[in-house]
Amino acid sequence: VQLQASGGGLVQAGSSLRLSCTASGGSFSRYHMGWFRQVPGKERESVACIGRIGDSAYYAESVKGRFTISRDNAKDTVYLQMNSLKPEDTAYYYCAASEAEWLTRLEEWYAHWGQGTLVTVSS
């Protein structure tokens, strides 16, 4: 499966942004989907993940209550709605697909990755 992320940009603190990730070349509904982010020079971290049919989701503590992950299997797309953005949310955001049996935020279970989309939050 190939993943294409989009929606990044430059916004002010307190603003909202929605990232999208569209899949092609595979059966989207067979994959758990995750969003990760990375600041250059730092380790990549999990932001959120969502189950195959969207019935479960996990979030990093740093984004709980501000970010919402969702998916539309009819459109082969996963979203990350980001509200109340903070400067520390600035990073490259990546979407990824996992064929693991269970939903997990662990990066090693995600075999398919999209290119990053840059989110910059100014103070």
Protein backbone atom coordinates (compact mmCIF):
# COMPACT_ATOMS: atom_id res chain seq x y z
CA VAL A 1 0.00 0.00 0.00
CA GLN A 2 1.21 3.50 -0.82
CA LEU A 3 0.39 6.41 1.44
CA GLN A 4 0.20 10.08 0.55
CA ALA A 5 -0.03 12.62 3.35
CA SER A 6 -1.13 16.20 2.89
CA GLY A 7 -2.50 19.19 4.75
CA GLY A 8 0.53 20.53 6.55
CA GLY A 9 1.31 24.22 6.69
CA LEU A 10 2.23 27.23 8.76
CA VAL A 11 -0.32 28.29 11.36
CA GLN A 12 -0.42 30.38 14.50
CA ALA A 13 -0.66 28.93 17.98
CA GLY A 14 -4.26 28.16 18.89
CA SER A 15 -5.22 27.43 15.30
CA SER A 16 -6.49 24.21 13.78
CA LEU A 17 -5.25 22.08 10.92
CA ARG A 18 -6.44 18.83 9.39
CA LEU A 19 -4.03 16.35 7.90
CA SER A 20 -5.13 13.75 5.40
CA CYS A 21 -3.50 10.54 4.28
CA THR A 22 -4.83 8.68 1.28
CA ALA A 23 -3.92 5.09 0.54
CA SER A 24 -3.62 3.36 -2.79
CA GLY A 25 -2.58 -0.05 -4.02
CA GLY A 26 -4.01 -2.05 -1.17
CA SER A 27 -7.10 -2.88 0.81
CA PHE A 28 -7.24 0.09 3.14
CA SER A 29 -9.62 -1.47 5.63
CA ARG A 30 -7.19 -4.28 6.43
CA TYR A 31 -4.78 -1.83 8.02
CA HIS A 32 -4.65 -0.11 11.36
CA MET A 33 -3.50 3.44 10.68
CA GLY A 34 -1.27 5.72 12.66
CA TRP A 35 0.08 9.23 12.68
CA PHE A 36 3.61 9.90 13.85
CA ARG A 37 5.68 13.04 14.02
CA GLN A 38 9.33 13.91 14.07
CA VAL A 39 11.33 17.01 14.77
CA PRO A 40 14.64 16.98 12.88
CA GLY A 41 17.34 15.66 15.17
CA LYS A 42 14.87 13.96 17.48
CA GLU A 43 13.25 10.55 17.54
CA ARG A 44 9.97 9.98 15.78
CA GLU A 45 7.04 9.69 18.15
CA SER A 46 3.54 8.28 17.90
CA VAL A 47 0.72 10.79 17.85
CA ALA A 48 -2.37 8.66 17.38
CA CYS A 49 -3.62 5.45 15.86
CA ILE A 50 -6.96 4.06 14.82
CA GLY A 51 -8.33 0.59 14.30
CA ARG A 52 -9.34 -0.97 11.02
CA ILE A 53 -12.98 0.05 11.23
CA GLY A 54 -12.43 3.15 13.32
CA ASP A 55 -13.89 1.67 16.46
CA SER A 56 -10.87 2.31 18.63
CA ALA A 57 -8.15 4.91 18.84
CA TYR A 58 -5.16 5.70 21.03
CA TYR A 59 -3.47 9.03 21.55
CA ALA A 60 -0.23 10.35 22.93
CA GLU A 61 -0.76 12.15 26.21
CA SER A 62 0.60 15.35 24.71
CA VAL A 63 -2.24 15.56 22.17
CA LYS A 64 -5.19 14.08 24.05
CA GLY A 65 -8.17 16.40 23.94
CA ARG A 66 -6.69 18.44 21.11
CA PHE A 67 -6.17 15.97 18.26
CA THR A 68 -8.68 13.56 16.78
CA ILE A 69 -7.86 10.71 14.43
CA SER A 70 -10.56 9.38 12.12
CA ARG A 71 -10.84 7.38 8.95
CA ASP A 72 -13.13 6.97 5.97
CA ASN A 73 -12.67 3.52 4.52
CA ALA A 74 -14.86 4.40 1.55
CA LYS A 75 -12.31 7.07 0.63
CA ASP A 76 -9.23 5.11 1.71
CA THR A 77 -8.27 8.06 3.86
CA VAL A 78 -7.24 8.67 7.44
CA TYR A 79 -7.38 12.12 9.02
CA LEU A 80 -5.78 13.91 11.90
CA GLN A 81 -7.74 16.89 13.12
CA MET A 82 -5.44 19.10 15.16
CA ASN A 83 -6.96 21.82 17.32
CA SER A 84 -5.43 24.27 19.77
CA LEU A 85 -2.07 23.85 18.14
CA LYS A 86 1.03 24.72 20.12
CA PRO A 87 4.53 25.61 18.93
CA GLU A 88 5.73 22.28 20.32
CA ASP A 89 3.49 20.52 17.80
CA THR A 90 5.81 21.72 15.06
CA ALA A 91 7.17 18.65 13.26
CA TYR A 92 7.02 16.53 10.17
CA TYR A 93 3.90 14.38 10.39
CA TYR A 94 3.84 10.91 8.86
CA CYS A 95 1.01 8.49 8.32
CA ALA A 96 1.65 4.78 8.48
CA ALA A 97 -0.19 1.49 8.06
CA SER A 98 0.03 -1.58 10.24
CA GLU A 99 -1.04 -5.17 9.58
CA ALA A 100 -0.56 -6.16 13.20
CA GLU A 101 -3.26 -8.28 14.76
CA TRP A 102 -3.97 -5.66 17.40
CA LEU A 103 -3.99 -1.88 17.37
CA THR A 104 -0.73 -0.45 18.59
CA ARG A 105 1.14 2.83 18.65
CA LEU A 106 4.48 1.05 18.49
CA GLU A 107 6.37 2.21 15.42
CA GLU A 108 7.95 -1.17 14.71
CA TRP A 109 4.55 -2.62 13.83
CA TYR A 110 4.03 -0.12 11.01
CA ALA A 111 5.50 -1.43 7.78
CA HIS A 112 4.11 1.12 5.33
CA TRP A 113 4.89 4.81 5.54
CA GLY A 114 3.94 7.92 3.66
CA GLN A 115 6.14 10.93 3.11
CA GLY A 116 6.07 13.57 5.80
CA THR A 117 4.03 16.72 5.73
CA LEU A 118 5.41 19.68 7.64
CA VAL A 119 3.36 21.39 10.31
CA THR A 120 4.79 24.62 11.67
CA VAL A 121 3.08 26.40 14.55
CA SER A 122 4.24 29.92 15.28
CA SER A 123 3.88 31.53 18.69
